N, C-alpha and C. Protein backbone atom coordinates (compact mmCIF):
# COMPACT_ATOMS: atom_id res chain seq x y z
N MET A 1 16.72 -40.79 7.14
CA MET A 1 17.36 -42.07 7.44
C MET A 1 17.83 -42.07 8.89
N LYS A 2 17.40 -43.06 9.64
CA LYS A 2 17.79 -43.15 11.04
C LYS A 2 19.24 -43.59 11.18
N LYS A 3 19.91 -43.02 12.16
CA LYS A 3 21.28 -43.41 12.48
C LYS A 3 21.25 -44.32 13.70
N ILE A 4 21.94 -45.45 13.59
CA ILE A 4 21.97 -46.44 14.64
C ILE A 4 23.38 -46.54 15.23
N GLY A 5 23.48 -46.43 16.53
CA GLY A 5 24.73 -46.68 17.23
C GLY A 5 24.63 -47.98 17.99
N ILE A 6 25.51 -48.91 17.73
CA ILE A 6 25.47 -50.22 18.39
C ILE A 6 26.62 -50.33 19.37
N ILE A 7 26.29 -50.55 20.63
CA ILE A 7 27.29 -50.76 21.66
C ILE A 7 27.51 -52.26 21.77
N GLY A 8 28.63 -52.74 21.22
CA GLY A 8 28.91 -54.16 21.22
C GLY A 8 29.49 -54.60 19.89
N SER A 9 30.19 -55.73 19.91
CA SER A 9 30.86 -56.19 18.69
C SER A 9 30.75 -57.70 18.48
N GLY A 10 29.93 -58.38 19.29
CA GLY A 10 29.78 -59.82 19.18
C GLY A 10 28.78 -60.23 18.11
N THR A 11 28.35 -61.50 18.16
CA THR A 11 27.47 -62.03 17.11
C THR A 11 26.11 -61.35 17.09
N VAL A 12 25.57 -61.02 18.26
CA VAL A 12 24.28 -60.32 18.30
C VAL A 12 24.42 -58.93 17.68
N ALA A 13 25.45 -58.21 18.08
CA ALA A 13 25.68 -56.87 17.52
C ALA A 13 25.86 -56.94 16.02
N GLN A 14 26.61 -57.91 15.55
CA GLN A 14 26.87 -58.04 14.12
C GLN A 14 25.61 -58.42 13.34
N SER A 15 24.81 -59.32 13.88
CA SER A 15 23.57 -59.72 13.20
C SER A 15 22.60 -58.55 13.08
N LEU A 16 22.45 -57.81 14.17
CA LEU A 16 21.56 -56.65 14.13
C LEU A 16 22.11 -55.57 13.20
N ALA A 17 23.42 -55.38 13.19
CA ALA A 17 24.02 -54.40 12.29
C ALA A 17 23.70 -54.73 10.84
N LYS A 18 23.83 -55.99 10.47
CA LYS A 18 23.50 -56.39 9.09
C LYS A 18 22.04 -56.13 8.78
N GLY A 19 21.16 -56.37 9.76
CA GLY A 19 19.74 -56.10 9.55
C GLY A 19 19.47 -54.63 9.33
N PHE A 20 20.11 -53.78 10.11
CA PHE A 20 19.91 -52.33 9.93
C PHE A 20 20.44 -51.87 8.58
N LEU A 21 21.63 -52.32 8.22
CA LEU A 21 22.21 -51.92 6.93
C LEU A 21 21.33 -52.38 5.77
N LYS A 22 20.81 -53.59 5.87
CA LYS A 22 19.95 -54.14 4.82
C LYS A 22 18.71 -53.28 4.62
N ASN A 23 18.25 -52.65 5.71
CA ASN A 23 17.03 -51.85 5.65
C ASN A 23 17.29 -50.36 5.54
N GLY A 24 18.50 -49.99 5.14
CA GLY A 24 18.77 -48.60 4.79
C GLY A 24 19.20 -47.69 5.92
N TYR A 25 19.52 -48.24 7.08
CA TYR A 25 19.99 -47.42 8.19
C TYR A 25 21.49 -47.18 8.07
N GLN A 26 21.96 -46.09 8.66
CA GLN A 26 23.39 -45.86 8.84
C GLN A 26 23.79 -46.43 10.20
N VAL A 27 24.93 -47.11 10.26
CA VAL A 27 25.31 -47.82 11.47
C VAL A 27 26.76 -47.52 11.86
N VAL A 28 26.96 -47.19 13.12
CA VAL A 28 28.29 -47.15 13.72
C VAL A 28 28.30 -48.13 14.88
N MET A 29 29.28 -49.03 14.89
CA MET A 29 29.40 -50.01 15.96
C MET A 29 30.49 -49.60 16.93
N GLY A 30 30.18 -49.67 18.21
CA GLY A 30 31.14 -49.31 19.24
C GLY A 30 31.80 -50.52 19.84
N THR A 31 33.09 -50.46 20.01
CA THR A 31 33.85 -51.58 20.55
C THR A 31 35.06 -51.06 21.31
N ARG A 32 35.55 -51.85 22.24
CA ARG A 32 36.79 -51.49 22.93
C ARG A 32 38.01 -51.85 22.09
N THR A 33 37.81 -52.81 21.16
CA THR A 33 38.91 -53.29 20.33
C THR A 33 38.47 -53.28 18.88
N ALA A 34 38.85 -52.24 18.13
CA ALA A 34 38.39 -52.09 16.75
C ALA A 34 38.78 -53.27 15.87
N GLU A 35 39.90 -53.92 16.19
CA GLU A 35 40.35 -55.05 15.38
C GLU A 35 39.33 -56.19 15.37
N LYS A 36 38.53 -56.30 16.43
CA LYS A 36 37.54 -57.36 16.51
C LYS A 36 36.50 -57.25 15.40
N LEU A 37 36.27 -56.03 14.93
CA LEU A 37 35.24 -55.81 13.92
C LEU A 37 35.78 -55.66 12.51
N GLN A 38 37.09 -55.65 12.35
CA GLN A 38 37.65 -55.37 11.03
C GLN A 38 37.29 -56.44 10.01
N GLU A 39 37.35 -57.71 10.41
CA GLU A 39 36.98 -58.79 9.48
C GLU A 39 35.52 -58.71 9.12
N PHE A 40 34.67 -58.42 10.12
CA PHE A 40 33.24 -58.25 9.85
C PHE A 40 33.01 -57.12 8.86
N LYS A 41 33.69 -56.02 9.04
CA LYS A 41 33.55 -54.88 8.13
C LYS A 41 34.02 -55.24 6.73
N ASN A 42 35.12 -55.97 6.64
CA ASN A 42 35.70 -56.29 5.34
C ASN A 42 34.88 -57.32 4.57
N THR A 43 34.28 -58.27 5.29
CA THR A 43 33.61 -59.38 4.61
C THR A 43 32.10 -59.30 4.62
N GLU A 44 31.51 -58.62 5.61
CA GLU A 44 30.06 -58.65 5.76
C GLU A 44 29.40 -57.28 5.64
N ALA A 45 30.07 -56.24 6.09
CA ALA A 45 29.39 -54.95 6.22
C ALA A 45 30.36 -53.80 6.03
N ASN A 46 30.79 -53.60 4.80
CA ASN A 46 31.79 -52.57 4.55
C ASN A 46 31.25 -51.17 4.79
N ALA A 47 29.92 -51.03 4.86
CA ALA A 47 29.33 -49.72 5.08
C ALA A 47 29.26 -49.34 6.55
N VAL A 48 29.56 -50.27 7.44
CA VAL A 48 29.45 -49.98 8.86
C VAL A 48 30.63 -49.13 9.33
N GLY A 49 30.34 -48.22 10.25
CA GLY A 49 31.40 -47.44 10.87
C GLY A 49 31.84 -48.10 12.17
N ILE A 50 33.06 -47.88 12.57
CA ILE A 50 33.61 -48.48 13.78
C ILE A 50 34.20 -47.37 14.66
N GLY A 51 33.88 -47.41 15.94
CA GLY A 51 34.42 -46.42 16.87
C GLY A 51 34.36 -46.95 18.29
N GLY A 52 34.56 -46.08 19.24
CA GLY A 52 34.41 -46.44 20.64
C GLY A 52 32.95 -46.44 21.04
N PHE A 53 32.67 -46.90 22.26
CA PHE A 53 31.30 -46.91 22.75
C PHE A 53 30.71 -45.50 22.73
N ASP A 54 31.51 -44.52 23.11
CA ASP A 54 31.01 -43.15 23.16
C ASP A 54 30.71 -42.62 21.76
N GLU A 55 31.52 -43.00 20.77
CA GLU A 55 31.29 -42.55 19.40
C GLU A 55 30.02 -43.16 18.83
N ALA A 56 29.81 -44.44 19.10
CA ALA A 56 28.59 -45.10 18.62
C ALA A 56 27.35 -44.48 19.26
N ALA A 57 27.42 -44.24 20.57
CA ALA A 57 26.27 -43.68 21.27
C ALA A 57 25.98 -42.24 20.82
N SER A 58 27.03 -41.48 20.57
CA SER A 58 26.86 -40.11 20.11
C SER A 58 26.25 -40.08 18.71
N PHE A 59 26.67 -41.02 17.85
CA PHE A 59 26.20 -41.07 16.47
C PHE A 59 24.73 -41.47 16.38
N GLY A 60 24.34 -42.44 17.19
CA GLY A 60 23.02 -43.04 17.03
C GLY A 60 21.87 -42.17 17.47
N GLU A 61 20.86 -42.07 16.63
CA GLU A 61 19.58 -41.52 17.06
C GLU A 61 18.84 -42.56 17.89
N ILE A 62 19.09 -43.82 17.54
CA ILE A 62 18.68 -44.97 18.35
C ILE A 62 19.95 -45.73 18.70
N VAL A 63 20.06 -46.17 19.95
CA VAL A 63 21.25 -46.90 20.41
C VAL A 63 20.85 -48.33 20.73
N VAL A 64 21.65 -49.27 20.26
CA VAL A 64 21.43 -50.69 20.53
C VAL A 64 22.48 -51.16 21.53
N LEU A 65 22.02 -51.77 22.62
CA LEU A 65 22.92 -52.33 23.62
C LEU A 65 22.99 -53.84 23.41
N ALA A 66 24.15 -54.32 22.95
CA ALA A 66 24.31 -55.74 22.61
C ALA A 66 25.65 -56.24 23.13
N VAL A 67 25.74 -56.31 24.45
CA VAL A 67 26.95 -56.79 25.12
C VAL A 67 26.54 -57.85 26.15
N LYS A 68 27.51 -58.52 26.75
CA LYS A 68 27.22 -59.42 27.85
C LYS A 68 26.53 -58.66 28.97
N GLY A 69 25.57 -59.31 29.61
CA GLY A 69 24.86 -58.64 30.69
C GLY A 69 25.77 -58.17 31.80
N THR A 70 26.81 -58.93 32.08
CA THR A 70 27.74 -58.56 33.14
C THR A 70 28.52 -57.30 32.80
N ALA A 71 28.58 -56.95 31.52
CA ALA A 71 29.33 -55.77 31.08
C ALA A 71 28.43 -54.61 30.70
N ALA A 72 27.12 -54.77 30.82
CA ALA A 72 26.17 -53.79 30.28
C ALA A 72 26.30 -52.42 30.94
N LYS A 73 26.32 -52.38 32.25
CA LYS A 73 26.36 -51.08 32.94
C LYS A 73 27.66 -50.36 32.64
N GLU A 74 28.78 -51.07 32.67
CA GLU A 74 30.07 -50.44 32.39
C GLU A 74 30.12 -49.94 30.95
N ALA A 75 29.56 -50.71 30.01
CA ALA A 75 29.55 -50.29 28.61
C ALA A 75 28.77 -48.99 28.44
N LEU A 76 27.65 -48.87 29.13
CA LEU A 76 26.86 -47.65 29.06
C LEU A 76 27.58 -46.47 29.71
N GLN A 77 28.30 -46.73 30.78
CA GLN A 77 29.10 -45.68 31.42
C GLN A 77 30.17 -45.17 30.46
N LEU A 78 30.80 -46.10 29.73
CA LEU A 78 31.81 -45.70 28.76
C LEU A 78 31.17 -44.96 27.58
N ALA A 79 29.94 -45.33 27.25
CA ALA A 79 29.23 -44.64 26.17
C ALA A 79 28.91 -43.19 26.56
N GLY A 80 28.66 -42.98 27.84
CA GLY A 80 28.41 -41.63 28.33
C GLY A 80 26.94 -41.30 28.49
N ALA A 81 26.55 -40.94 29.69
CA ALA A 81 25.14 -40.65 29.96
C ALA A 81 24.59 -39.54 29.07
N THR A 82 25.40 -38.53 28.78
CA THR A 82 24.93 -37.42 27.94
C THR A 82 24.67 -37.88 26.50
N ASN A 83 25.41 -38.89 26.05
CA ASN A 83 25.19 -39.42 24.70
C ASN A 83 23.95 -40.30 24.61
N LEU A 84 23.44 -40.73 25.78
CA LEU A 84 22.28 -41.61 25.82
C LEU A 84 21.00 -40.88 26.18
N ALA A 85 21.11 -39.69 26.72
CA ALA A 85 19.96 -38.95 27.23
C ALA A 85 18.91 -38.71 26.16
N GLU A 86 17.66 -39.02 26.51
CA GLU A 86 16.49 -38.82 25.65
C GLU A 86 16.49 -39.70 24.40
N LYS A 87 17.36 -40.68 24.35
CA LYS A 87 17.40 -41.58 23.19
C LYS A 87 16.76 -42.92 23.52
N THR A 88 16.23 -43.56 22.49
CA THR A 88 15.75 -44.94 22.61
C THR A 88 16.94 -45.87 22.69
N ILE A 89 16.96 -46.75 23.71
CA ILE A 89 18.00 -47.73 23.87
C ILE A 89 17.38 -49.11 23.68
N LEU A 90 17.64 -49.74 22.55
CA LEU A 90 17.16 -51.10 22.30
C LEU A 90 18.08 -52.04 23.09
N ASP A 91 17.53 -52.64 24.13
CA ASP A 91 18.32 -53.44 25.06
C ASP A 91 18.15 -54.92 24.75
N ALA A 92 19.19 -55.51 24.17
CA ALA A 92 19.16 -56.93 23.80
C ALA A 92 19.92 -57.80 24.80
N THR A 93 20.23 -57.26 25.96
CA THR A 93 21.07 -57.98 26.91
C THR A 93 20.26 -58.94 27.78
N ASN A 94 20.98 -59.89 28.38
CA ASN A 94 20.42 -60.81 29.36
C ASN A 94 21.38 -60.90 30.55
N PRO A 95 20.85 -61.04 31.76
CA PRO A 95 21.71 -61.09 32.95
C PRO A 95 22.28 -62.49 33.21
N ILE A 96 22.98 -63.03 32.24
CA ILE A 96 23.53 -64.38 32.37
C ILE A 96 24.77 -64.33 33.26
N ALA A 97 24.79 -65.15 34.28
CA ALA A 97 25.90 -65.16 35.23
C ALA A 97 27.08 -65.94 34.65
N ASP A 98 28.26 -65.62 35.16
CA ASP A 98 29.48 -66.34 34.77
C ASP A 98 29.56 -67.64 35.56
N GLN A 99 28.63 -68.53 35.24
CA GLN A 99 28.48 -69.79 35.97
C GLN A 99 27.93 -70.82 35.00
N ALA A 100 28.42 -72.04 35.07
CA ALA A 100 28.01 -73.08 34.13
C ALA A 100 26.52 -73.39 34.28
N PRO A 101 25.83 -73.68 33.16
CA PRO A 101 24.42 -74.07 33.24
C PRO A 101 24.25 -75.35 34.06
N GLU A 102 23.06 -75.51 34.61
CA GLU A 102 22.72 -76.70 35.39
C GLU A 102 21.57 -77.43 34.70
N SER A 103 21.86 -78.63 34.18
CA SER A 103 20.87 -79.40 33.42
C SER A 103 20.29 -78.58 32.27
N GLY A 104 21.14 -77.80 31.64
CA GLY A 104 20.70 -76.99 30.50
C GLY A 104 20.07 -75.67 30.89
N VAL A 105 20.03 -75.35 32.18
CA VAL A 105 19.38 -74.13 32.66
C VAL A 105 20.44 -73.10 33.04
N LEU A 106 20.40 -71.94 32.38
CA LEU A 106 21.35 -70.87 32.68
C LEU A 106 21.10 -70.28 34.06
N HIS A 107 22.16 -69.72 34.63
CA HIS A 107 22.04 -68.97 35.87
C HIS A 107 22.02 -67.48 35.55
N PHE A 108 21.16 -66.74 36.25
CA PHE A 108 21.09 -65.28 36.14
C PHE A 108 21.69 -64.66 37.40
N PHE A 109 22.23 -63.45 37.26
CA PHE A 109 22.73 -62.75 38.44
C PHE A 109 21.70 -61.77 38.99
N THR A 110 20.50 -61.77 38.43
CA THR A 110 19.39 -60.96 38.93
C THR A 110 18.36 -61.86 39.59
N THR A 111 17.34 -61.25 40.18
CA THR A 111 16.22 -61.99 40.75
C THR A 111 14.96 -61.67 39.94
N LEU A 112 13.89 -62.40 40.22
CA LEU A 112 12.63 -62.14 39.53
C LEU A 112 11.97 -60.85 39.99
N ASP A 113 12.55 -60.19 40.97
CA ASP A 113 12.01 -58.92 41.46
C ASP A 113 12.81 -57.71 40.97
N SER A 114 13.87 -57.96 40.18
CA SER A 114 14.69 -56.84 39.70
C SER A 114 15.45 -57.27 38.45
N SER A 115 14.92 -56.91 37.30
CA SER A 115 15.55 -57.30 36.03
C SER A 115 16.78 -56.44 35.75
N LEU A 116 17.60 -56.91 34.83
CA LEU A 116 18.76 -56.13 34.42
C LEU A 116 18.32 -54.81 33.80
N MET A 117 17.28 -54.83 32.98
CA MET A 117 16.87 -53.59 32.33
C MET A 117 16.36 -52.57 33.34
N GLU A 118 15.70 -53.02 34.39
CA GLU A 118 15.29 -52.10 35.44
C GLU A 118 16.51 -51.43 36.09
N GLN A 119 17.54 -52.22 36.32
CA GLN A 119 18.75 -51.68 36.92
C GLN A 119 19.41 -50.66 36.00
N LEU A 120 19.44 -50.95 34.71
CA LEU A 120 20.03 -50.03 33.75
C LEU A 120 19.19 -48.76 33.61
N GLN A 121 17.87 -48.91 33.61
CA GLN A 121 16.99 -47.74 33.52
C GLN A 121 17.17 -46.84 34.73
N GLN A 122 17.33 -47.45 35.90
CA GLN A 122 17.55 -46.66 37.11
C GLN A 122 18.90 -45.94 37.07
N ALA A 123 19.91 -46.61 36.50
CA ALA A 123 21.25 -46.01 36.45
C ALA A 123 21.33 -44.89 35.41
N PHE A 124 20.50 -44.97 34.37
CA PHE A 124 20.51 -43.97 33.30
C PHE A 124 19.07 -43.49 33.08
N PRO A 125 18.54 -42.71 34.01
CA PRO A 125 17.11 -42.36 34.00
C PRO A 125 16.68 -41.49 32.83
N GLU A 126 17.60 -40.82 32.18
CA GLU A 126 17.21 -39.94 31.07
C GLU A 126 17.15 -40.68 29.74
N ALA A 127 17.59 -41.93 29.71
CA ALA A 127 17.50 -42.75 28.50
C ALA A 127 16.19 -43.54 28.52
N HIS A 128 15.77 -44.01 27.34
CA HIS A 128 14.49 -44.73 27.22
C HIS A 128 14.76 -46.17 26.78
N PHE A 129 14.86 -47.06 27.74
CA PHE A 129 15.21 -48.45 27.46
C PHE A 129 13.99 -49.24 26.99
N VAL A 130 14.21 -50.09 25.99
CA VAL A 130 13.19 -51.01 25.50
C VAL A 130 13.84 -52.38 25.32
N LYS A 131 13.31 -53.38 26.01
CA LYS A 131 13.85 -54.73 25.89
C LYS A 131 13.38 -55.35 24.58
N ALA A 132 14.30 -55.96 23.83
CA ALA A 132 13.95 -56.66 22.58
C ALA A 132 15.14 -57.50 22.13
N PHE A 133 14.86 -58.51 21.33
CA PHE A 133 15.88 -59.38 20.72
C PHE A 133 16.75 -60.10 21.76
N ASN A 134 16.19 -60.37 22.93
CA ASN A 134 16.95 -61.07 23.96
C ASN A 134 16.57 -62.55 24.07
N SER A 135 15.52 -62.97 23.38
CA SER A 135 14.98 -64.32 23.59
C SER A 135 15.02 -65.17 22.33
N VAL A 136 16.02 -64.95 21.50
CA VAL A 136 16.22 -65.76 20.29
C VAL A 136 17.68 -65.68 19.90
N GLY A 137 18.17 -66.67 19.18
CA GLY A 137 19.56 -66.67 18.75
C GLY A 137 19.81 -65.67 17.64
N SER A 138 21.05 -65.26 17.52
CA SER A 138 21.40 -64.22 16.55
C SER A 138 21.09 -64.62 15.12
N ALA A 139 21.11 -65.91 14.82
CA ALA A 139 20.85 -66.38 13.45
C ALA A 139 19.43 -66.08 12.98
N PHE A 140 18.51 -65.86 13.93
CA PHE A 140 17.10 -65.65 13.57
C PHE A 140 16.60 -64.25 13.90
N MET A 141 17.48 -63.36 14.24
CA MET A 141 17.04 -62.02 14.63
C MET A 141 16.51 -61.20 13.46
N VAL A 142 17.03 -61.47 12.28
CA VAL A 142 16.62 -60.73 11.09
C VAL A 142 16.07 -61.70 10.06
N ASP A 143 14.85 -61.43 9.58
CA ASP A 143 14.18 -62.27 8.57
C ASP A 143 14.13 -63.73 8.99
N PRO A 144 13.51 -64.04 10.15
CA PRO A 144 13.40 -65.44 10.58
C PRO A 144 12.50 -66.23 9.64
N SER A 145 12.87 -67.46 9.37
CA SER A 145 12.14 -68.27 8.38
C SER A 145 11.48 -69.47 9.04
N PHE A 146 10.51 -69.19 9.91
CA PHE A 146 9.73 -70.24 10.54
C PHE A 146 8.41 -70.42 9.80
N GLU A 147 7.62 -71.42 10.20
CA GLU A 147 6.35 -71.68 9.53
C GLU A 147 5.40 -70.50 9.65
N SER A 148 5.46 -69.80 10.74
CA SER A 148 4.66 -68.59 10.93
C SER A 148 5.54 -67.52 11.56
N LYS A 149 5.07 -66.30 11.51
CA LYS A 149 5.87 -65.18 12.03
C LYS A 149 6.00 -65.29 13.54
N PRO A 150 7.22 -65.33 14.07
CA PRO A 150 7.40 -65.44 15.52
C PRO A 150 7.12 -64.13 16.23
N THR A 151 6.99 -64.22 17.55
CA THR A 151 6.65 -63.07 18.39
C THR A 151 7.87 -62.55 19.11
N MET A 152 8.05 -61.23 19.06
CA MET A 152 9.10 -60.57 19.83
C MET A 152 8.43 -59.80 20.97
N PHE A 153 8.74 -60.16 22.19
CA PHE A 153 8.19 -59.48 23.36
C PHE A 153 9.05 -58.27 23.69
N ILE A 154 8.40 -57.13 23.88
CA ILE A 154 9.13 -55.91 24.22
C ILE A 154 8.49 -55.28 25.45
N CYS A 155 9.24 -54.40 26.11
CA CYS A 155 8.67 -53.61 27.21
C CYS A 155 9.54 -52.39 27.44
N GLY A 156 8.99 -51.41 28.13
CA GLY A 156 9.71 -50.18 28.44
C GLY A 156 8.73 -49.12 28.92
N ASN A 157 9.25 -48.06 29.49
CA ASN A 157 8.40 -47.03 30.07
C ASN A 157 7.96 -45.95 29.08
N ASN A 158 8.70 -45.77 27.99
CA ASN A 158 8.43 -44.67 27.08
C ASN A 158 7.70 -45.19 25.84
N GLU A 159 6.51 -44.66 25.60
CA GLU A 159 5.68 -45.17 24.50
C GLU A 159 6.30 -44.89 23.14
N ASN A 160 6.88 -43.72 22.95
CA ASN A 160 7.49 -43.40 21.67
C ASN A 160 8.69 -44.31 21.39
N ALA A 161 9.47 -44.58 22.44
CA ALA A 161 10.61 -45.48 22.28
C ALA A 161 10.14 -46.87 21.89
N LYS A 162 9.05 -47.33 22.49
CA LYS A 162 8.52 -48.66 22.13
C LYS A 162 8.01 -48.68 20.70
N LYS A 163 7.46 -47.58 20.25
CA LYS A 163 7.02 -47.51 18.85
C LYS A 163 8.21 -47.61 17.91
N GLU A 164 9.30 -46.93 18.26
CA GLU A 164 10.51 -46.98 17.42
C GLU A 164 11.06 -48.40 17.36
N VAL A 165 11.15 -49.04 18.51
CA VAL A 165 11.67 -50.42 18.54
C VAL A 165 10.69 -51.38 17.86
N GLY A 166 9.39 -51.15 18.08
CA GLY A 166 8.39 -51.99 17.43
C GLY A 166 8.50 -51.94 15.92
N HIS A 167 8.76 -50.76 15.40
CA HIS A 167 8.94 -50.62 13.95
C HIS A 167 10.13 -51.45 13.47
N ILE A 168 11.23 -51.41 14.23
CA ILE A 168 12.41 -52.18 13.87
C ILE A 168 12.10 -53.67 13.92
N VAL A 169 11.43 -54.09 14.97
CA VAL A 169 11.08 -55.50 15.13
C VAL A 169 10.26 -55.99 13.93
N GLU A 170 9.27 -55.22 13.53
CA GLU A 170 8.44 -55.60 12.39
C GLU A 170 9.25 -55.57 11.10
N LEU A 171 10.11 -54.59 10.95
CA LEU A 171 10.95 -54.49 9.77
C LEU A 171 11.85 -55.71 9.64
N PHE A 172 12.28 -56.25 10.77
CA PHE A 172 13.16 -57.40 10.79
C PHE A 172 12.40 -58.72 10.68
N GLY A 173 11.07 -58.67 10.49
CA GLY A 173 10.31 -59.88 10.20
C GLY A 173 9.57 -60.51 11.35
N TRP A 174 9.35 -59.76 12.43
CA TRP A 174 8.69 -60.29 13.61
C TRP A 174 7.35 -59.61 13.84
N GLU A 175 6.47 -60.24 14.62
CA GLU A 175 5.32 -59.54 15.17
C GLU A 175 5.69 -59.06 16.57
N VAL A 176 5.09 -57.95 16.96
CA VAL A 176 5.43 -57.31 18.23
C VAL A 176 4.36 -57.59 19.26
N SER A 177 4.79 -57.90 20.47
CA SER A 177 3.87 -58.00 21.60
C SER A 177 4.41 -57.14 22.74
N ASP A 178 3.73 -56.02 22.97
CA ASP A 178 4.15 -55.06 23.99
C ASP A 178 3.63 -55.52 25.34
N MET A 179 4.55 -55.84 26.25
CA MET A 179 4.18 -56.35 27.57
C MET A 179 4.06 -55.26 28.62
N GLY A 180 4.28 -53.99 28.23
CA GLY A 180 4.06 -52.92 29.17
C GLY A 180 5.33 -52.24 29.65
N SER A 181 5.37 -51.89 30.92
CA SER A 181 6.43 -51.07 31.48
C SER A 181 7.70 -51.88 31.74
N VAL A 182 8.72 -51.19 32.24
CA VAL A 182 10.05 -51.79 32.42
C VAL A 182 10.01 -53.01 33.33
N GLU A 183 9.05 -53.07 34.28
CA GLU A 183 8.98 -54.21 35.19
C GLU A 183 8.72 -55.52 34.45
N ALA A 184 8.13 -55.44 33.27
CA ALA A 184 7.85 -56.65 32.49
C ALA A 184 9.13 -57.35 32.04
N ALA A 185 10.25 -56.65 32.08
CA ALA A 185 11.53 -57.28 31.75
C ALA A 185 11.85 -58.42 32.72
N ARG A 186 11.23 -58.41 33.91
CA ARG A 186 11.41 -59.51 34.85
C ARG A 186 10.91 -60.82 34.26
N ALA A 187 9.93 -60.73 33.36
CA ALA A 187 9.41 -61.93 32.69
C ALA A 187 10.06 -62.18 31.34
N ILE A 188 10.41 -61.10 30.64
CA ILE A 188 10.96 -61.25 29.28
C ILE A 188 12.40 -61.75 29.31
N GLU A 189 13.20 -61.24 30.23
CA GLU A 189 14.60 -61.68 30.29
C GLU A 189 14.73 -63.19 30.53
N PRO A 190 13.94 -63.80 31.43
CA PRO A 190 14.06 -65.25 31.63
C PRO A 190 13.65 -66.10 30.43
N LEU A 191 12.99 -65.50 29.43
CA LEU A 191 12.72 -66.26 28.21
C LEU A 191 14.01 -66.74 27.57
N CYS A 192 15.10 -66.02 27.81
CA CYS A 192 16.40 -66.46 27.33
C CYS A 192 16.77 -67.82 27.92
N ILE A 193 16.47 -68.01 29.20
CA ILE A 193 16.76 -69.29 29.85
C ILE A 193 15.98 -70.40 29.16
N LEU A 194 14.69 -70.16 28.94
CA LEU A 194 13.83 -71.16 28.30
C LEU A 194 14.28 -71.45 26.88
N TRP A 195 14.62 -70.38 26.14
CA TRP A 195 15.04 -70.56 24.74
C TRP A 195 16.31 -71.40 24.65
N CYS A 196 17.21 -71.26 25.61
CA CYS A 196 18.50 -71.93 25.55
C CYS A 196 18.47 -73.39 25.99
N ILE A 197 17.44 -73.81 26.72
CA ILE A 197 17.42 -75.18 27.25
C ILE A 197 17.53 -76.23 26.14
N PRO A 198 16.73 -76.18 25.06
CA PRO A 198 16.90 -77.19 24.01
C PRO A 198 18.29 -77.18 23.38
N GLY A 199 18.87 -75.99 23.28
CA GLY A 199 20.20 -75.89 22.71
C GLY A 199 21.27 -76.49 23.60
N LEU A 200 21.20 -76.15 24.88
CA LEU A 200 22.21 -76.63 25.82
C LEU A 200 22.06 -78.12 26.11
N LYS A 201 20.83 -78.63 26.07
CA LYS A 201 20.61 -80.06 26.34
C LYS A 201 20.77 -80.93 25.11
N ASP A 202 20.24 -80.47 23.97
CA ASP A 202 20.16 -81.32 22.77
C ASP A 202 20.80 -80.71 21.54
N ASN A 203 21.50 -79.60 21.70
CA ASN A 203 22.11 -78.88 20.58
C ASN A 203 21.08 -78.51 19.51
N SER A 204 19.90 -78.14 19.95
CA SER A 204 18.82 -77.72 19.06
C SER A 204 18.56 -76.23 19.29
N TRP A 205 18.90 -75.42 18.28
CA TRP A 205 18.84 -73.97 18.43
C TRP A 205 17.89 -73.31 17.43
N THR A 206 17.12 -74.08 16.68
CA THR A 206 16.32 -73.51 15.58
C THR A 206 14.85 -73.36 15.99
N HIS A 207 14.58 -72.46 16.91
CA HIS A 207 13.23 -72.27 17.40
C HIS A 207 13.05 -70.82 17.85
N ALA A 208 11.79 -70.43 18.01
CA ALA A 208 11.45 -69.10 18.49
C ALA A 208 10.10 -69.19 19.18
N PHE A 209 9.72 -68.11 19.87
CA PHE A 209 8.45 -68.10 20.59
C PHE A 209 7.33 -67.47 19.74
N LYS A 210 6.12 -67.95 19.98
CA LYS A 210 4.94 -67.45 19.28
C LYS A 210 3.81 -67.28 20.29
N LEU A 211 3.24 -66.08 20.38
CA LEU A 211 2.10 -65.83 21.24
C LEU A 211 0.83 -66.04 20.43
N LEU A 212 -0.01 -66.99 20.88
CA LEU A 212 -1.26 -67.30 20.19
C LEU A 212 -2.41 -66.59 20.90
N LYS A 213 -3.32 -66.01 20.12
CA LYS A 213 -4.44 -65.26 20.68
C LYS A 213 -5.75 -65.73 20.07
N LEU A 214 -6.83 -65.61 20.84
CA LEU A 214 -8.16 -65.86 20.31
C LEU A 214 -8.82 -64.56 19.91
């Protein structure tokens, strides 16, 4: 049984935690404020463990990063580089800036030449980052119920890490499309901007992406 350490305590972290628990994983969630997760533990996931970022990272054979993009690097520093070394890091973050959207379009604090995941991979070179679950709302991350199976785009430098994340993606009800190395996060992260436009403009959040092939 795989052990999952989740760095984060928001809706994305909670949705993914429920998905892991449903599929037989052991889960410890890391947070700076344990009280934030107590209601979730009591009402949704009594089997989940709660600790600090370092405890979650140490526990997990696979680590999930599910925090605000602006807090991602600091959260990983608090988790501890030694606790992340040689582990798969499922990176669900987006580099959303602390700035109001413009005509429904989010602002990023990165450029198209340097994704957030590239920056995190450079800062923690011994960890194996894989981008996933960044381009859909938390309500559809596990067992999405669309007319056809939606596509989850992933990328990263380590093939074994991508296989581990790909297995999780498929287990959670998605098809996997591997876009290649970490540089592909420059294209995958902005999918968050596109996904959010209908929601921010028209309050329509019930959609996902599908890659069609011949």
